């Protein structure tokens, strides 16, 4: 029985050593996993913050772009009206009409006709 007890004790000792070794290895593995998870949480937090920040900047820029487009359309309309007015001002007949209407100026020999509107 002495041999048997010594073998049993050696086997028990080896099993304990293997178990302790597994516990140490699993503790190291847990630590690595915890570090990896922590890193991923920090990275994902940073990525989420960057995404939200960029989305708000894009929304601001889109609103600004929409305002600029409206302003551009208004400016183009104004430009078209002014270019039409310039073309009309280059016409001597239109200048004569403006002079008659606004300033009461008439060509020599013209007789002005004034009409009065009556209210019903």
N, C-alpha and C. Protein backbone atom coordinates (compact mmCIF):
# COMPACT_ATOMS: atom_id res chain seq x y z
N UNK A 1 0.79 -1.18 0.00
CA UNK A 1 0.00 0.00 0.00
C UNK A 1 0.84 1.26 0.00
N UNK A 2 1.99 1.15 0.40
CA UNK A 2 2.86 2.31 0.43
C UNK A 2 3.13 2.83 -0.96
N UNK A 3 3.32 1.88 -1.90
CA UNK A 3 3.54 2.29 -3.27
C UNK A 3 2.29 2.93 -3.86
N UNK A 4 1.20 2.31 -3.54
CA UNK A 4 -0.06 2.79 -4.07
C UNK A 4 -0.36 4.19 -3.52
N UNK A 5 -0.12 4.41 -2.27
CA UNK A 5 -0.38 5.71 -1.64
C UNK A 5 0.55 6.76 -2.23
N UNK A 6 1.81 6.40 -2.49
CA UNK A 6 2.75 7.36 -3.05
C UNK A 6 2.34 7.73 -4.47
N UNK A 7 1.90 6.73 -5.24
CA UNK A 7 1.46 7.01 -6.61
C UNK A 7 0.21 7.89 -6.59
N UNK A 8 -0.68 7.58 -5.68
CA UNK A 8 -1.93 8.37 -5.55
C UNK A 8 -1.61 9.80 -5.16
N UNK A 9 -0.68 9.94 -4.26
CA UNK A 9 -0.28 11.26 -3.79
C UNK A 9 0.39 12.03 -4.94
N UNK A 10 1.22 11.38 -5.71
CA UNK A 10 1.88 12.01 -6.84
C UNK A 10 0.84 12.42 -7.89
N UNK A 11 -0.12 11.53 -8.13
CA UNK A 11 -1.18 11.83 -9.09
C UNK A 11 -2.01 13.02 -8.60
N UNK A 12 -2.33 13.06 -7.33
CA UNK A 12 -3.09 14.16 -6.75
C UNK A 12 -2.29 15.45 -6.85
N UNK A 13 -0.99 15.37 -6.58
CA UNK A 13 -0.10 16.53 -6.66
C UNK A 13 -0.06 17.04 -8.11
N UNK A 14 0.04 16.13 -9.07
CA UNK A 14 0.08 16.51 -10.48
C UNK A 14 -1.24 17.14 -10.89
N UNK A 15 -2.34 16.57 -10.42
CA UNK A 15 -3.66 17.12 -10.75
C UNK A 15 -3.80 18.53 -10.18
N UNK A 16 -3.33 18.72 -8.93
CA UNK A 16 -3.37 20.05 -8.33
C UNK A 16 -2.53 21.04 -9.12
N UNK A 17 -1.34 20.60 -9.50
CA UNK A 17 -0.44 21.47 -10.26
C UNK A 17 -1.07 21.83 -11.60
N UNK A 18 -1.69 20.85 -12.26
CA UNK A 18 -2.36 21.11 -13.53
C UNK A 18 -3.54 22.07 -13.33
N UNK A 19 -4.29 21.86 -12.25
CA UNK A 19 -5.44 22.71 -11.95
C UNK A 19 -4.98 24.14 -11.68
N UNK A 20 -3.91 24.29 -10.89
CA UNK A 20 -3.38 25.62 -10.59
C UNK A 20 -2.86 26.27 -11.87
N UNK A 21 -2.23 25.46 -12.69
CA UNK A 21 -1.72 25.97 -13.96
C UNK A 21 -2.88 26.45 -14.84
N UNK A 22 -3.97 25.68 -14.88
CA UNK A 22 -5.14 26.08 -15.65
C UNK A 22 -5.76 27.35 -15.08
N UNK A 23 -5.82 27.45 -13.75
CA UNK A 23 -6.37 28.65 -13.12
C UNK A 23 -5.52 29.87 -13.46
N UNK A 24 -4.20 29.71 -13.43
CA UNK A 24 -3.31 30.82 -13.78
C UNK A 24 -3.51 31.19 -15.23
N UNK A 25 -3.57 30.19 -16.11
CA UNK A 25 -3.76 30.45 -17.53
C UNK A 25 -5.12 31.09 -17.77
N UNK A 26 -6.15 30.61 -17.11
CA UNK A 26 -7.47 31.18 -17.32
C UNK A 26 -7.54 32.59 -16.73
N UNK A 27 -6.81 32.87 -15.66
CA UNK A 27 -6.76 34.22 -15.10
C UNK A 27 -6.07 35.15 -16.08
N UNK A 28 -5.00 34.71 -16.70
CA UNK A 28 -4.32 35.51 -17.72
C UNK A 28 -5.20 35.72 -18.93
N UNK A 29 -5.93 34.69 -19.31
CA UNK A 29 -6.86 34.80 -20.44
C UNK A 29 -7.98 35.76 -20.13
N UNK A 30 -8.50 35.66 -18.91
CA UNK A 30 -9.56 36.59 -18.51
C UNK A 30 -9.05 38.03 -18.52
N UNK A 31 -7.83 38.23 -18.06
CA UNK A 31 -7.25 39.55 -18.03
C UNK A 31 -7.10 40.10 -19.45
N UNK A 32 -6.61 39.26 -20.37
CA UNK A 32 -6.46 39.70 -21.76
C UNK A 32 -7.82 40.03 -22.38
N UNK A 33 -8.80 39.19 -22.10
CA UNK A 33 -10.14 39.45 -22.62
C UNK A 33 -10.69 40.74 -22.04
N UNK A 34 -10.49 40.95 -20.75
CA UNK A 34 -10.97 42.17 -20.10
C UNK A 34 -10.29 43.40 -20.71
N UNK A 35 -8.99 43.31 -20.95
CA UNK A 35 -8.26 44.43 -21.57
C UNK A 35 -8.77 44.66 -22.99
N UNK A 36 -8.98 43.58 -23.73
CA UNK A 36 -9.49 43.71 -25.10
C UNK A 36 -10.88 44.34 -25.11
N UNK A 37 -11.76 43.87 -24.24
CA UNK A 37 -13.11 44.41 -24.15
C UNK A 37 -13.07 45.89 -23.75
N UNK A 38 -12.21 46.22 -22.79
CA UNK A 38 -12.07 47.62 -22.38
C UNK A 38 -11.61 48.49 -23.55
N UNK A 39 -10.63 48.01 -24.29
CA UNK A 39 -10.14 48.74 -25.45
C UNK A 39 -11.25 48.92 -26.48
N UNK A 40 -12.01 47.87 -26.73
CA UNK A 40 -13.10 47.94 -27.71
C UNK A 40 -14.19 48.92 -27.26
N UNK A 41 -14.50 48.92 -25.97
CA UNK A 41 -15.51 49.85 -25.46
C UNK A 41 -15.03 51.29 -25.65
N UNK A 42 -13.78 51.55 -25.32
CA UNK A 42 -13.23 52.90 -25.49
C UNK A 42 -13.21 53.27 -26.98
N UNK A 43 -12.78 52.37 -27.82
CA UNK A 43 -12.72 52.63 -29.26
C UNK A 43 -14.11 52.89 -29.82
N UNK A 44 -15.08 52.06 -29.46
CA UNK A 44 -16.44 52.24 -29.96
C UNK A 44 -17.05 53.53 -29.43
N UNK A 45 -16.74 53.89 -28.19
CA UNK A 45 -17.20 55.17 -27.66
C UNK A 45 -16.65 56.34 -28.47
N UNK A 46 -15.37 56.29 -28.76
CA UNK A 46 -14.74 57.33 -29.57
C UNK A 46 -15.35 57.37 -30.97
N UNK A 47 -15.55 56.20 -31.57
CA UNK A 47 -16.14 56.13 -32.91
C UNK A 47 -17.56 56.68 -32.90
N UNK A 48 -18.35 56.35 -31.89
CA UNK A 48 -19.71 56.87 -31.78
C UNK A 48 -19.73 58.38 -31.61
N UNK A 49 -18.85 58.89 -30.77
CA UNK A 49 -18.76 60.33 -30.56
C UNK A 49 -18.38 61.03 -31.86
N UNK A 50 -17.41 60.49 -32.58
CA UNK A 50 -16.98 61.07 -33.85
C UNK A 50 -18.13 61.05 -34.86
N UNK A 51 -18.85 59.96 -34.92
CA UNK A 51 -19.97 59.83 -35.85
C UNK A 51 -21.04 60.86 -35.56
N UNK A 52 -21.44 60.97 -34.30
CA UNK A 52 -22.49 61.93 -33.93
C UNK A 52 -22.02 63.36 -34.19
N UNK A 53 -20.78 63.66 -33.86
CA UNK A 53 -20.23 64.99 -34.09
C UNK A 53 -20.23 65.33 -35.57
N UNK A 54 -19.81 64.39 -36.39
CA UNK A 54 -19.77 64.63 -37.83
C UNK A 54 -21.17 64.77 -38.41
N UNK A 55 -22.12 64.00 -37.89
CA UNK A 55 -23.50 64.11 -38.38
C UNK A 55 -24.07 65.50 -38.08
N UNK A 56 -23.79 66.03 -36.90
CA UNK A 56 -24.29 67.37 -36.58
C UNK A 56 -23.63 68.41 -37.46
N UNK A 57 -22.34 68.25 -37.76
CA UNK A 57 -21.66 69.19 -38.66
C UNK A 57 -22.23 69.10 -40.07
N UNK A 58 -22.53 67.90 -40.52
CA UNK A 58 -23.12 67.72 -41.85
C UNK A 58 -24.49 68.38 -41.91
N UNK A 59 -25.29 68.22 -40.85
CA UNK A 59 -26.62 68.83 -40.81
C UNK A 59 -26.50 70.36 -40.87
N UNK A 60 -25.55 70.93 -40.12
CA UNK A 60 -25.35 72.37 -40.14
C UNK A 60 -24.94 72.85 -41.53
N UNK A 61 -24.02 72.14 -42.14
CA UNK A 61 -23.55 72.51 -43.48
C UNK A 61 -24.66 72.36 -44.52
N UNK A 62 -25.51 71.36 -44.37
CA UNK A 62 -26.62 71.17 -45.30
C UNK A 62 -27.61 72.31 -45.20
N UNK A 63 -27.91 72.75 -43.97
CA UNK A 63 -28.81 73.88 -43.78
C UNK A 63 -28.21 75.15 -44.37
N UNK A 64 -26.93 75.34 -44.16
CA UNK A 64 -26.24 76.50 -44.72
C UNK A 64 -26.26 76.46 -46.25
N UNK A 65 -26.05 75.29 -46.81
CA UNK A 65 -26.09 75.13 -48.27
C UNK A 65 -27.47 75.46 -48.82
N UNK A 66 -28.52 75.00 -48.14
CA UNK A 66 -29.88 75.28 -48.58
C UNK A 66 -30.14 76.79 -48.58
N UNK A 67 -29.68 77.49 -47.53
CA UNK A 67 -29.85 78.95 -47.48
C UNK A 67 -29.10 79.62 -48.63
N UNK A 68 -27.89 79.15 -48.90
CA UNK A 68 -27.09 79.74 -49.98
C UNK A 68 -27.74 79.50 -51.34
N UNK A 69 -28.36 78.34 -51.53
CA UNK A 69 -29.03 78.06 -52.80
C UNK A 69 -30.23 78.98 -52.99
N UNK A 70 -31.00 79.20 -51.92
CA UNK A 70 -32.13 80.12 -52.00
C UNK A 70 -31.62 81.53 -52.31
N UNK A 71 -30.57 81.93 -51.64
CA UNK A 71 -29.98 83.24 -51.89
C UNK A 71 -29.48 83.35 -53.33
N UNK A 72 -28.90 82.28 -53.85
CA UNK A 72 -28.42 82.28 -55.22
C UNK A 72 -29.57 82.43 -56.20
N UNK A 73 -30.67 81.72 -55.97
CA UNK A 73 -31.84 81.83 -56.84
C UNK A 73 -32.38 83.26 -56.84
N UNK A 74 -32.46 83.86 -55.66
CA UNK A 74 -32.94 85.24 -55.55
C UNK A 74 -32.02 86.19 -56.31
N UNK A 75 -30.73 85.99 -56.17
CA UNK A 75 -29.76 86.84 -56.86
C UNK A 75 -29.86 86.66 -58.37
N UNK A 76 -30.04 85.43 -58.84
CA UNK A 76 -30.18 85.19 -60.27
C UNK A 76 -31.43 85.87 -60.84
N UNK A 77 -32.54 85.81 -60.10
CA UNK A 77 -33.76 86.48 -60.53
C UNK A 77 -33.54 87.98 -60.63
N UNK A 78 -32.90 88.52 -59.61
CA UNK A 78 -32.61 89.95 -59.59
C UNK A 78 -31.71 90.33 -60.76
N UNK A 79 -30.73 89.52 -61.03
CA UNK A 79 -29.82 89.77 -62.15
C UNK A 79 -30.56 89.76 -63.47
N UNK A 80 -31.46 88.79 -63.64
CA UNK A 80 -32.24 88.71 -64.87
C UNK A 80 -33.12 89.95 -65.04
N UNK A 81 -33.75 90.40 -63.96
CA UNK A 81 -34.59 91.59 -64.02
C UNK A 81 -33.76 92.82 -64.38
N UNK A 82 -32.59 92.93 -63.78
CA UNK A 82 -31.73 94.08 -64.05
C UNK A 82 -31.20 94.06 -65.49
N UNK A 83 -30.85 92.89 -65.99
CA UNK A 83 -30.36 92.82 -67.37
C UNK A 83 -31.49 93.16 -68.35
N UNK A 84 -32.72 92.74 -68.04
CA UNK A 84 -33.87 93.11 -68.87
C UNK A 84 -34.08 94.62 -68.84
N UNK A 85 -33.97 95.20 -67.66
CA UNK A 85 -34.13 96.65 -67.51
C UNK A 85 -33.03 97.39 -68.29
N UNK A 86 -31.80 96.90 -68.26
CA UNK A 86 -30.71 97.52 -69.01
C UNK A 86 -31.00 97.46 -70.51
N UNK A 87 -31.48 96.32 -70.99
CA UNK A 87 -31.82 96.20 -72.40
C UNK A 87 -32.92 97.19 -72.78
N UNK A 88 -33.90 97.34 -71.92
CA UNK A 88 -34.99 98.26 -72.20
C UNK A 88 -34.50 99.71 -72.16
N UNK A 89 -33.56 100.01 -71.26
CA UNK A 89 -33.03 101.38 -71.16
C UNK A 89 -32.18 101.75 -72.37
N UNK A 90 -31.69 100.77 -73.10
CA UNK A 90 -30.94 101.04 -74.32
C UNK A 90 -31.87 101.37 -75.50
N UNK A 91 -33.16 101.20 -75.32
CA UNK A 91 -34.15 101.49 -76.37
C UNK A 91 -34.63 102.94 -76.22
N UNK A 92 -34.45 103.78 -77.25
CA UNK A 92 -34.86 105.19 -77.13
C UNK A 92 -36.36 105.36 -76.93
N UNK A 93 -37.16 104.46 -77.47
CA UNK A 93 -38.61 104.58 -77.30
C UNK A 93 -39.01 104.40 -75.84
N UNK A 94 -38.39 103.43 -75.17
CA UNK A 94 -38.67 103.20 -73.74
C UNK A 94 -38.25 104.41 -72.91
N UNK A 95 -37.11 105.00 -73.24
CA UNK A 95 -36.64 106.20 -72.52
C UNK A 95 -37.66 107.32 -72.69
N UNK A 96 -38.20 107.45 -73.89
CA UNK A 96 -39.23 108.47 -74.13
C UNK A 96 -40.47 108.22 -73.29
N UNK A 97 -40.87 106.97 -73.20
CA UNK A 97 -42.05 106.64 -72.38
C UNK A 97 -41.81 106.99 -70.91
N UNK A 98 -40.62 106.66 -70.41
CA UNK A 98 -40.30 106.99 -69.01
C UNK A 98 -40.30 108.50 -68.79
N UNK A 99 -39.74 109.25 -69.75
CA UNK A 99 -39.68 110.70 -69.62
C UNK A 99 -41.09 111.29 -69.62
N UNK A 100 -41.96 110.80 -70.48
CA UNK A 100 -43.33 111.29 -70.51
C UNK A 100 -44.08 110.95 -69.22
N UNK A 101 -43.94 109.72 -68.81
CA UNK A 101 -44.70 109.23 -67.65
C UNK A 101 -44.21 109.84 -66.34
N UNK A 102 -42.91 109.81 -66.09
CA UNK A 102 -42.37 110.20 -64.79
C UNK A 102 -42.06 111.69 -64.68
N UNK A 103 -41.66 112.31 -65.78
CA UNK A 103 -41.17 113.68 -65.67
C UNK A 103 -42.02 114.69 -66.45
N UNK A 104 -43.04 114.22 -67.15
CA UNK A 104 -43.90 115.13 -67.90
C UNK A 104 -43.19 115.77 -69.07
N UNK A 105 -42.21 115.14 -69.61
CA UNK A 105 -41.46 115.67 -70.75
C UNK A 105 -42.06 115.11 -72.04
N UNK A 106 -42.23 115.99 -73.04
CA UNK A 106 -42.82 115.58 -74.30
C UNK A 106 -41.95 116.07 -75.43
N UNK A 107 -42.03 115.41 -76.56
CA UNK A 107 -41.31 115.83 -77.75
C UNK A 107 -41.96 117.12 -78.29
N UNK A 108 -41.19 117.96 -78.99
CA UNK A 108 -41.78 119.17 -79.56
C UNK A 108 -42.89 118.80 -80.55
N UNK A 109 -44.01 119.42 -80.42
CA UNK A 109 -45.14 119.16 -81.29
C UNK A 109 -46.10 118.14 -80.73
N UNK A 110 -45.77 117.45 -79.62
CA UNK A 110 -46.70 116.49 -79.01
C UNK A 110 -47.67 117.22 -78.11
N UNK A 111 -48.88 116.75 -78.12
CA UNK A 111 -49.89 117.32 -77.25
C UNK A 111 -50.23 116.29 -76.19
N UNK A 112 -49.98 116.62 -74.92
CA UNK A 112 -50.30 115.64 -73.87
C UNK A 112 -51.79 115.51 -73.68
N UNK A 113 -52.22 114.32 -73.45
CA UNK A 113 -53.64 114.04 -73.18
C UNK A 113 -53.69 113.48 -71.75
N UNK A 114 -54.44 114.17 -70.93
CA UNK A 114 -54.59 113.72 -69.54
C UNK A 114 -56.01 113.20 -69.37
N UNK A 115 -56.11 112.05 -68.76
CA UNK A 115 -57.43 111.49 -68.47
C UNK A 115 -57.59 111.41 -66.98
N UNK A 116 -58.80 111.63 -66.57
CA UNK A 116 -59.10 111.53 -65.15
C UNK A 116 -59.96 110.30 -64.94
N UNK A 117 -59.60 109.58 -63.93
CA UNK A 117 -60.40 108.41 -63.61
C UNK A 117 -61.40 108.79 -62.55
N UNK A 118 -62.62 108.36 -62.75
CA UNK A 118 -63.65 108.65 -61.76
C UNK A 118 -63.98 107.39 -61.01
N UNK A 119 -64.30 107.58 -59.77
CA UNK A 119 -64.66 106.42 -58.93
C UNK A 119 -66.15 106.21 -59.03
N UNK A 120 -66.62 104.97 -59.15
CA UNK A 120 -68.06 104.71 -59.25
C UNK A 120 -68.80 104.92 -57.97
